[in-house]
Each structure stands twice: as structure tokens, then as C-alpha cells.
N, C-alpha and C. Protein backbone atom coordinates (compact mmCIF):
# COMPACT_ATOMS: atom_id res chain seq x y z
N UNK A 1 -2.07 -0.18 -26.86
CA UNK A 1 -1.27 -1.36 -27.36
C UNK A 1 -2.14 -2.62 -27.65
N UNK A 2 -3.08 -2.84 -26.88
CA UNK A 2 -4.02 -3.94 -27.11
C UNK A 2 -4.67 -3.67 -28.42
N UNK A 3 -5.09 -2.47 -28.83
CA UNK A 3 -5.80 -2.30 -29.99
C UNK A 3 -4.97 -2.67 -31.19
N UNK A 4 -3.58 -2.43 -31.21
CA UNK A 4 -2.80 -2.86 -32.29
C UNK A 4 -2.51 -4.32 -32.44
N UNK A 5 -2.64 -4.88 -31.21
CA UNK A 5 -2.52 -6.30 -31.30
C UNK A 5 -3.87 -7.04 -31.87
N UNK A 6 -5.01 -6.42 -31.50
CA UNK A 6 -6.19 -6.90 -32.08
C UNK A 6 -6.36 -6.77 -33.63
N UNK A 7 -5.81 -5.46 -34.06
CA UNK A 7 -5.69 -5.28 -35.57
C UNK A 7 -4.86 -6.27 -36.16
N UNK A 8 -3.66 -6.46 -35.68
CA UNK A 8 -2.81 -7.43 -36.20
C UNK A 8 -3.46 -8.92 -36.25
N UNK A 9 -4.10 -9.33 -35.27
CA UNK A 9 -4.70 -10.55 -35.24
C UNK A 9 -5.83 -10.63 -36.28
N UNK A 10 -6.71 -9.65 -36.43
CA UNK A 10 -7.74 -9.63 -37.33
C UNK A 10 -7.23 -9.65 -38.78
N UNK A 11 -6.21 -8.87 -39.07
CA UNK A 11 -5.58 -8.92 -40.40
C UNK A 11 -4.98 -10.34 -40.82
N UNK A 12 -4.30 -10.96 -39.80
CA UNK A 12 -3.62 -12.18 -40.09
C UNK A 12 -4.82 -13.35 -40.28
N UNK A 13 -5.83 -13.11 -39.49
CA UNK A 13 -6.94 -14.14 -39.64
C UNK A 13 -7.69 -13.99 -40.94
N UNK A 14 -7.83 -12.66 -41.28
CA UNK A 14 -8.53 -12.36 -42.68
C UNK A 14 -7.70 -12.98 -43.76
N UNK A 15 -6.43 -12.93 -43.75
CA UNK A 15 -5.40 -13.56 -44.69
C UNK A 15 -5.60 -15.08 -44.68
N UNK A 16 -5.77 -15.71 -43.44
CA UNK A 16 -6.06 -17.10 -43.37
C UNK A 16 -7.36 -17.57 -43.96
N UNK A 17 -8.41 -16.64 -43.78
CA UNK A 17 -9.71 -16.87 -44.44
C UNK A 17 -9.63 -16.99 -45.90
N UNK A 18 -8.90 -15.89 -46.27
CA UNK A 18 -8.81 -15.82 -47.79
C UNK A 18 -8.00 -17.15 -48.35
N UNK A 19 -7.01 -17.53 -47.73
CA UNK A 19 -6.27 -18.71 -48.21
C UNK A 19 -7.16 -20.05 -48.09
N UNK A 20 -7.82 -20.16 -46.99
CA UNK A 20 -8.59 -21.33 -46.86
C UNK A 20 -9.71 -21.44 -47.79
N UNK A 21 -10.33 -20.33 -48.01
CA UNK A 21 -11.36 -20.26 -48.99
C UNK A 21 -11.08 -20.57 -50.41
N UNK A 22 -9.73 -19.81 -50.72
CA UNK A 22 -9.25 -20.09 -52.11
C UNK A 22 -8.84 -21.44 -52.32
N UNK A 23 -8.02 -22.11 -51.45
CA UNK A 23 -7.52 -23.38 -51.51
C UNK A 23 -8.74 -24.42 -51.60
N UNK A 24 -9.72 -24.19 -50.97
CA UNK A 24 -10.80 -25.15 -50.95
C UNK A 24 -11.54 -25.30 -52.14
N UNK A 25 -11.47 -24.34 -53.16
CA UNK A 25 -12.12 -24.38 -54.37
C UNK A 25 -11.26 -24.90 -55.62
N UNK A 26 -10.03 -25.27 -55.29
CA UNK A 26 -9.16 -25.69 -56.49
C UNK A 26 -9.81 -26.86 -57.17
N UNK A 27 -10.36 -27.84 -56.56
CA UNK A 27 -10.89 -29.01 -57.22
C UNK A 27 -12.20 -28.64 -57.87
N UNK A 28 -13.03 -27.79 -57.28
CA UNK A 28 -14.24 -27.44 -57.88
C UNK A 28 -14.10 -26.59 -59.17
N UNK A 29 -13.04 -25.72 -59.08
CA UNK A 29 -12.82 -24.86 -60.37
C UNK A 29 -12.32 -25.78 -61.47
N UNK A 30 -11.64 -26.75 -61.17
CA UNK A 30 -11.19 -27.73 -62.23
C UNK A 30 -12.44 -28.48 -62.84
N UNK A 31 -13.29 -28.94 -61.95
CA UNK A 31 -14.39 -29.72 -62.33
C UNK A 31 -15.27 -28.78 -63.29
N UNK A 32 -15.57 -27.66 -62.83
CA UNK A 32 -16.44 -26.65 -63.45
C UNK A 32 -15.75 -25.95 -64.74
N UNK A 33 -14.45 -26.16 -64.88
CA UNK A 33 -13.84 -25.57 -66.10
C UNK A 33 -13.54 -24.09 -65.92
N UNK A 34 -13.46 -23.69 -64.71
CA UNK A 34 -13.09 -22.29 -64.40
C UNK A 34 -11.61 -22.12 -64.19
N UNK A 35 -10.94 -20.99 -64.65
CA UNK A 35 -9.52 -20.82 -64.53
C UNK A 35 -9.16 -20.91 -63.02
N UNK A 36 -8.10 -21.48 -62.70
CA UNK A 36 -7.78 -21.71 -61.19
C UNK A 36 -7.69 -20.37 -60.49
N UNK A 37 -6.99 -19.49 -61.12
CA UNK A 37 -6.72 -18.11 -60.24
C UNK A 37 -8.13 -17.34 -60.06
N UNK A 38 -9.02 -17.49 -61.11
CA UNK A 38 -10.33 -16.90 -60.90
C UNK A 38 -11.17 -17.62 -59.75
N UNK A 39 -11.11 -18.94 -59.70
CA UNK A 39 -11.83 -19.60 -58.66
C UNK A 39 -11.31 -19.34 -57.32
N UNK A 40 -9.98 -19.27 -57.27
CA UNK A 40 -9.41 -19.00 -55.89
C UNK A 40 -9.71 -17.46 -55.54
N UNK A 41 -9.58 -16.56 -56.33
CA UNK A 41 -9.73 -15.14 -56.07
C UNK A 41 -11.29 -14.91 -55.78
N UNK A 42 -12.20 -15.47 -56.36
CA UNK A 42 -13.63 -15.19 -56.10
C UNK A 42 -13.91 -15.86 -54.77
N UNK A 43 -13.47 -17.04 -54.51
CA UNK A 43 -13.76 -17.68 -53.21
C UNK A 43 -13.05 -16.99 -51.99
N UNK A 44 -11.93 -16.55 -52.23
CA UNK A 44 -11.17 -15.81 -51.20
C UNK A 44 -11.79 -14.53 -50.84
N UNK A 45 -12.09 -13.81 -52.01
CA UNK A 45 -12.80 -12.45 -51.54
C UNK A 45 -14.20 -12.70 -50.99
N UNK A 46 -14.88 -13.71 -51.39
CA UNK A 46 -16.14 -13.97 -50.69
C UNK A 46 -16.09 -14.35 -49.31
N UNK A 47 -15.00 -15.09 -48.90
CA UNK A 47 -14.70 -15.32 -47.50
C UNK A 47 -14.47 -14.14 -46.61
N UNK A 48 -13.60 -13.43 -47.19
CA UNK A 48 -13.16 -12.08 -46.57
C UNK A 48 -14.39 -11.15 -46.35
N UNK A 49 -15.14 -11.06 -47.52
CA UNK A 49 -16.26 -10.05 -47.31
C UNK A 49 -17.24 -10.61 -46.23
N UNK A 50 -17.38 -11.95 -46.13
CA UNK A 50 -18.32 -12.34 -45.12
C UNK A 50 -17.77 -11.97 -43.80
N UNK A 51 -16.53 -12.11 -43.52
CA UNK A 51 -15.88 -11.82 -42.15
C UNK A 51 -15.94 -10.45 -41.96
N UNK A 52 -15.51 -9.55 -43.03
CA UNK A 52 -15.46 -8.10 -42.79
C UNK A 52 -16.88 -7.66 -42.35
N UNK A 53 -17.87 -8.10 -43.10
CA UNK A 53 -19.29 -7.69 -42.90
C UNK A 53 -19.71 -8.07 -41.38
N UNK A 54 -19.21 -9.17 -40.93
CA UNK A 54 -19.71 -9.57 -39.60
C UNK A 54 -18.87 -8.74 -38.54
N UNK A 55 -17.57 -8.40 -38.72
CA UNK A 55 -16.82 -7.53 -37.95
C UNK A 55 -17.39 -6.16 -37.81
N UNK A 56 -17.91 -5.60 -39.05
CA UNK A 56 -18.43 -4.26 -39.09
C UNK A 56 -19.85 -4.34 -38.30
N UNK A 57 -20.66 -5.29 -38.42
CA UNK A 57 -21.98 -5.53 -37.76
C UNK A 57 -21.68 -5.56 -36.16
N UNK A 58 -20.62 -6.19 -35.80
CA UNK A 58 -20.33 -6.42 -34.33
C UNK A 58 -19.89 -5.03 -33.83
N UNK A 59 -19.01 -4.26 -34.58
CA UNK A 59 -18.63 -2.98 -34.22
C UNK A 59 -19.71 -1.92 -34.20
N UNK A 60 -20.69 -2.09 -34.96
CA UNK A 60 -21.87 -1.06 -34.97
C UNK A 60 -22.74 -1.24 -33.83
N UNK A 61 -22.71 -2.44 -33.17
CA UNK A 61 -23.54 -2.71 -31.94
C UNK A 61 -23.29 -1.78 -30.99
N UNK A 62 -21.97 -1.77 -30.51
CA UNK A 62 -21.59 -0.98 -29.27
C UNK A 62 -20.32 -0.05 -29.52
N UNK A 63 -19.79 -0.04 -30.75
CA UNK A 63 -18.57 0.76 -31.04
C UNK A 63 -17.25 0.16 -30.57
N UNK A 64 -17.28 -1.10 -30.33
CA UNK A 64 -15.98 -1.87 -29.89
C UNK A 64 -16.09 -3.17 -30.24
N UNK A 65 -15.00 -3.79 -30.42
CA UNK A 65 -14.85 -5.28 -30.73
C UNK A 65 -14.08 -5.90 -29.65
N UNK A 66 -14.71 -6.88 -28.99
CA UNK A 66 -14.08 -7.51 -27.86
C UNK A 66 -13.37 -8.81 -28.58
N UNK A 67 -12.43 -9.30 -27.82
CA UNK A 67 -11.75 -10.48 -28.31
C UNK A 67 -12.77 -11.63 -28.48
N UNK A 68 -13.75 -11.81 -27.61
CA UNK A 68 -14.85 -12.87 -27.77
C UNK A 68 -15.60 -12.73 -28.99
N UNK A 69 -15.97 -11.43 -29.39
CA UNK A 69 -16.66 -11.15 -30.58
C UNK A 69 -15.83 -11.48 -31.84
N UNK A 70 -14.52 -11.17 -31.80
CA UNK A 70 -13.60 -11.40 -32.93
C UNK A 70 -13.57 -12.98 -33.08
N UNK A 71 -13.25 -13.70 -31.97
CA UNK A 71 -13.17 -15.20 -31.96
C UNK A 71 -14.29 -15.86 -32.53
N UNK A 72 -15.62 -15.29 -32.01
CA UNK A 72 -16.86 -15.87 -32.42
C UNK A 72 -17.08 -15.65 -33.94
N UNK A 73 -16.72 -14.58 -34.47
CA UNK A 73 -16.74 -14.21 -35.98
C UNK A 73 -15.95 -15.14 -36.68
N UNK A 74 -14.71 -15.26 -36.33
CA UNK A 74 -13.80 -16.22 -37.18
C UNK A 74 -14.15 -17.62 -36.89
N UNK A 75 -14.59 -17.95 -35.80
CA UNK A 75 -15.17 -19.36 -35.57
C UNK A 75 -16.37 -19.69 -36.50
N UNK A 76 -17.21 -18.68 -36.79
CA UNK A 76 -18.20 -18.88 -37.79
C UNK A 76 -17.76 -18.99 -39.19
N UNK A 77 -16.59 -18.41 -39.43
CA UNK A 77 -16.00 -18.45 -40.78
C UNK A 77 -15.50 -19.78 -40.91
N UNK A 78 -14.90 -20.31 -39.98
CA UNK A 78 -14.27 -21.58 -39.93
C UNK A 78 -15.46 -22.71 -40.37
N UNK A 79 -16.56 -22.54 -39.67
CA UNK A 79 -17.73 -23.47 -39.95
C UNK A 79 -18.09 -23.39 -41.37
N UNK A 80 -18.17 -22.18 -42.01
CA UNK A 80 -18.64 -22.00 -43.30
C UNK A 80 -17.67 -22.66 -44.22
N UNK A 81 -16.41 -22.43 -44.00
CA UNK A 81 -15.37 -23.06 -44.82
C UNK A 81 -15.51 -24.64 -44.79
N UNK A 82 -15.61 -25.17 -43.58
CA UNK A 82 -15.82 -26.50 -43.49
C UNK A 82 -16.98 -27.20 -44.31
N UNK A 83 -18.09 -26.40 -44.27
CA UNK A 83 -19.34 -26.61 -44.88
C UNK A 83 -18.97 -26.70 -46.43
N UNK A 84 -18.33 -25.71 -46.97
CA UNK A 84 -18.00 -25.59 -48.43
C UNK A 84 -17.04 -26.75 -48.85
N UNK A 85 -16.16 -27.01 -48.01
CA UNK A 85 -15.19 -28.07 -48.38
C UNK A 85 -16.00 -29.44 -48.45
N UNK A 86 -16.87 -29.61 -47.47
CA UNK A 86 -17.73 -30.82 -47.57
C UNK A 86 -18.53 -30.98 -48.96
N UNK A 87 -19.09 -29.84 -49.30
CA UNK A 87 -19.91 -29.82 -50.55
C UNK A 87 -18.96 -30.06 -51.79
N UNK A 88 -17.74 -29.47 -51.75
CA UNK A 88 -16.73 -29.83 -52.86
C UNK A 88 -16.45 -31.35 -52.80
N UNK A 89 -16.16 -31.93 -51.72
CA UNK A 89 -15.84 -33.32 -51.57
C UNK A 89 -17.10 -34.13 -52.24
N UNK A 90 -18.21 -33.76 -51.83
CA UNK A 90 -19.49 -34.51 -52.39
C UNK A 90 -19.55 -34.24 -53.80
N UNK A 91 -19.13 -33.09 -54.43
CA UNK A 91 -19.26 -32.93 -55.86
C UNK A 91 -18.17 -33.77 -56.56
N UNK A 92 -17.05 -33.94 -55.90
CA UNK A 92 -15.96 -34.66 -56.55
C UNK A 92 -16.35 -36.16 -56.56
N UNK A 93 -17.09 -36.68 -55.56
CA UNK A 93 -17.53 -38.01 -55.48
C UNK A 93 -18.69 -38.18 -56.69
N UNK A 94 -19.54 -37.24 -56.93
CA UNK A 94 -20.55 -37.35 -57.81
C UNK A 94 -20.21 -36.78 -59.07
N UNK A 95 -18.99 -36.09 -59.26
CA UNK A 95 -18.45 -35.48 -60.43
C UNK A 95 -19.47 -34.52 -61.10
N UNK A 96 -19.99 -33.61 -60.24
CA UNK A 96 -20.80 -32.49 -60.68
C UNK A 96 -20.17 -31.26 -59.99
N UNK A 97 -20.51 -30.05 -60.65
CA UNK A 97 -20.00 -28.84 -59.88
C UNK A 97 -20.66 -28.59 -58.61
N UNK A 98 -19.99 -28.17 -57.53
CA UNK A 98 -20.62 -27.99 -56.30
C UNK A 98 -21.57 -26.68 -56.17
N UNK A 99 -22.52 -26.86 -55.41
CA UNK A 99 -23.44 -25.62 -55.20
C UNK A 99 -22.97 -24.90 -54.06
N UNK A 100 -21.91 -24.00 -54.27
CA UNK A 100 -21.38 -23.17 -53.21
C UNK A 100 -21.91 -21.77 -53.16
């Protein structure tokens, strides 16, 4: 039963990573002239790919994922998202496309 709860938490958190990455580039896409849906999709998929890669690497180490490993991976994703959002805010101030 614990495994199903972990899978549910991972999937819901992956959706949250996609959404937070996608929403973070709305302004950047507008500045760069990229269609909104493309900017959101690419940013969301990029964030999800990063998290899935880290989950796979953690699983390869010992064949299991602990709650601490899962929390650490998603905590790292949060830091990356905050860094991207800061770059976007700087780009808005400078009115140049962000280097994400």
C-alpha cells in the first residue's frame, strides 16, 4: 500500500512541476515572440524530464526510492524553478529574452 501512495505522490508532484515550469515562462514566451502553448509545453516537459531523470538515477543506485530521496529530488526541482523565475523577472526588467 505504501508503494501505491508513493506512486500517487510522485505523479501529482510531476504534474505540479510541469505546471510551475509552464506558468513560469508565459512572460518570457511573450517577450521572445514564441506562441504561448509552445513556450509552456517545452518548459513543462523540460522540468518533468529533469525530475524523471533524477528519480531514475536514484532508483538505479539501490533499486528503491525512499521518501527522503523523493523529497530531495522534488526539492531540487523547486530550486531550479525559482532560479528560472528569477531569470525571467530580470529579463522583463531588461526587456530581453531570458537565458533559460
